[in-house]
Amino acid sequence: MLPRMRTISDAAAWLQQADPETAFTKTALRRLVTTGQLPSVRVGQKYLINLEALEGFLSGSTAAEASEAAGRRITA
């Protein structure tokens, strides 16, 4: 199964659709990605977020656990 990868804007829209009362913004997601708290892949100037990793992060998993749950490994 292919990972569901989304840009920060698309991931924020997905969260907003799933929970209209969410407090997460694009800025909050961008901060999590750029600080390494949320695993992502950088393609050119865009960051792509695996939605399964995002779900794992929001359920309380660490970045490594969220990444493994999404079937990816974090490389430094």
Protein backbone atom coordinates (compact mmCIF):
# COMPACT_ATOMS: atom_id res chain seq x y z
CA MET A 1 0.00 0.00 0.00
CA LEU A 2 1.32 3.43 -0.90
CA PRO A 3 1.71 5.96 1.92
CA ARG A 4 -0.75 8.83 1.94
CA MET A 5 1.67 11.74 1.60
CA ARG A 6 0.36 15.30 1.76
CA THR A 7 1.84 18.78 1.77
CA ILE A 8 1.58 20.77 4.98
CA SER A 9 -1.36 22.73 3.57
CA ASP A 10 -3.17 19.57 2.46
CA ALA A 11 -2.50 17.85 5.81
CA ALA A 12 -3.91 20.88 7.65
CA ALA A 13 -7.00 20.81 5.42
CA TRP A 14 -7.36 17.06 6.06
CA LEU A 15 -7.23 17.67 9.82
CA GLN A 16 -9.77 20.49 9.52
CA GLN A 17 -12.12 18.23 7.57
CA ALA A 18 -11.72 15.35 10.03
CA ASP A 19 -12.21 17.66 13.04
CA PRO A 20 -13.72 21.05 12.25
CA GLU A 21 -12.95 22.24 15.80
CA THR A 22 -9.24 21.39 15.62
CA ALA A 23 -6.72 23.88 16.93
CA PHE A 24 -3.98 22.66 14.56
CA THR A 25 -2.96 25.16 11.93
CA LYS A 26 -0.56 25.04 9.01
CA THR A 27 1.92 26.96 11.14
CA ALA A 28 1.72 24.39 13.94
CA LEU A 29 2.24 21.52 11.49
CA ARG A 30 5.15 23.33 9.84
CA ARG A 31 6.80 23.85 13.24
CA LEU A 32 6.42 20.13 14.10
CA VAL A 33 7.96 19.16 10.75
CA THR A 34 10.87 21.60 10.80
CA THR A 35 11.81 20.70 14.40
CA GLY A 36 11.76 16.99 13.57
CA GLN A 37 8.95 16.15 15.98
CA LEU A 38 6.83 14.92 13.08
CA PRO A 39 8.52 12.76 10.42
CA SER A 40 8.37 14.12 6.89
CA VAL A 41 10.05 13.97 3.50
CA ARG A 42 11.36 17.06 1.79
CA VAL A 43 10.85 17.26 -1.97
CA GLY A 44 12.30 20.44 -3.39
CA GLN A 45 10.96 23.24 -1.24
CA LYS A 46 7.94 21.26 0.01
CA TYR A 47 7.61 18.97 2.98
CA LEU A 48 5.40 15.91 2.62
CA ILE A 49 3.71 14.41 5.67
CA ASN A 50 2.57 10.81 5.88
CA LEU A 51 -1.00 10.96 7.18
CA GLU A 52 -0.56 7.70 9.10
CA ALA A 53 2.46 9.20 10.89
CA LEU A 54 0.42 12.33 11.64
CA GLU A 55 -2.39 10.21 13.08
CA GLY A 56 0.14 8.32 15.19
CA PHE A 57 1.71 11.55 16.42
CA LEU A 58 -1.67 12.97 17.39
CA SER A 59 -2.52 9.78 19.28
CA GLY A 60 0.57 10.30 21.45
CA SER A 61 3.25 8.30 19.66
CA THR A 62 6.82 9.60 19.48
CA ALA A 63 8.21 10.61 16.09
CA ALA A 64 10.06 7.28 15.78
CA GLU A 65 6.97 5.27 16.73
CA ALA A 66 4.79 7.29 14.35
CA SER A 67 7.30 6.80 11.56
CA GLU A 68 7.54 3.04 12.17
CA ALA A 69 3.75 2.76 12.35
CA ALA A 70 3.59 4.43 8.96
CA GLY A 71 6.08 1.92 7.57
CA ARG A 72 8.97 4.36 7.23
CA ARG A 73 12.28 4.76 9.03
CA ILE A 74 13.65 8.09 10.14
CA THR A 75 17.13 8.74 8.86
CA ALA A 76 19.26 11.53 10.21
